[in-house]
Amino acid sequence: MTKLNTPTRQIVRYTLGVMLSITLAYGINWDLAYIMPVFVAKIFIDKPSPTSHTVIELFASMIGTVLIALLVSNGITHYPFILLLLIGLLMFWAYYLFQNPEWNFFATLLIISTLLIPYLGISHPIAALSLGKGLMMSGVGAVVIFLAMHALLPEPSTSKDEQAVTGDRIKQQQAIQVNESIKALLISFPVIVFFYYFQIHGALLTMAFIGILSLQITRLKSIKLSVFLLLTNVTGGVLAVVAYELLVIVPWFPFLIALMTFIVILFAQNLYSNPEKVALYASVLSAMLVLFGAAIASEGKEIDLNVYVRIWQIILASVYMVLVACWLESRAQQGSIRYC
């Protein structure tokens, strides 16, 4: 299999990795299991090949998740102002780190832990610990699958051209990262406060989606791209509905795997044949995996209603975030807003 050409190798590796994570997550269905395929899909795109730093990121994210769970279990949720202040600081840190390719996986785990564990801990402190364990399992599983697929289908060795980075360039880059992090926080934090204050029923999925979407805001460079990102997330929601309704018609696990394999192969081909559109295809697939996975993980007679309620929550949150992003960017272009 190592004789495959590079694009084919990448498509096969991506498809096998994502489908293995889907099979394990949907088959075992631990807490937040549906997040693991999202992690796998993101890490394959964000990291061309595994390094020792990937394991360091995983270890750091596990420590961060444990610390957040311990804070929740020890009563920080009884102090709403301090809790929201801490959440805001951790979100800013996650946005800042996400812009560094070496730390984007850690940043993804950090922001999801920051948003979900305290939110559940307000009403169910014990359940928050279980949620933290589930998130850690998803993170560990994603990294193990990533490493295993690269061991099975390794990348050919290539020489890297290292460029010297001047001190002025580093300072300029840091200033840009801080600026983009503040913008992302201004956009996402008000809606997070809203969810925390009103304790919206069934908002965990929406919070996870907001965390993933808000990270992408740090990479947006134009209003047009912001609007297109909204359209891709809506498209992902539509795909999730179609896949879910097909599964309702044929409620058979092998059919589920076959359906998801077909979808993942289509995305893999587009991801690796259209490098300039990677972010767009990855965004659609992430939205689809989050919504569809949460629907599969749900139980009870109201599953159909819950699916559509969650989709509308996510669409409304996405509309809000993109509209605010457009407004902030237009004001910044006029020179009336400076983040730092």
Foldseek 3Di string as FASTA:
>chain_A
DQPDDDLVLLLVLLLVLLLVLVCVCLVVPAQVSLCLSLLLLVCVQLPVADDVLLVVLLVVLLVLLVVLLVCLLVPPLVPVVVLLVVLLVQLLVLLLQCVPSSNVSSSLSSNLSSQQLNLVSNPPSVVSVSNSVSSSVSSVSSVVSRNVSCVVHPDDDDDDDDDDDDPVNVVVVSVLSSQLSLLLSVLLSVVSVVCSVVVDPPCSLLSSLSSVVSSCSSVDDDLVVLVLLLVLLLLLLVVLVVLVVVCVVVVDVVVNSVVVSVVSSVLSSCCSVPVVCNVSSSSSPSSNSSLNSVLSSDDDPCSVVSSVVNSVSNSVSSVSSSVSSNVVVVCVVVVNDGSD
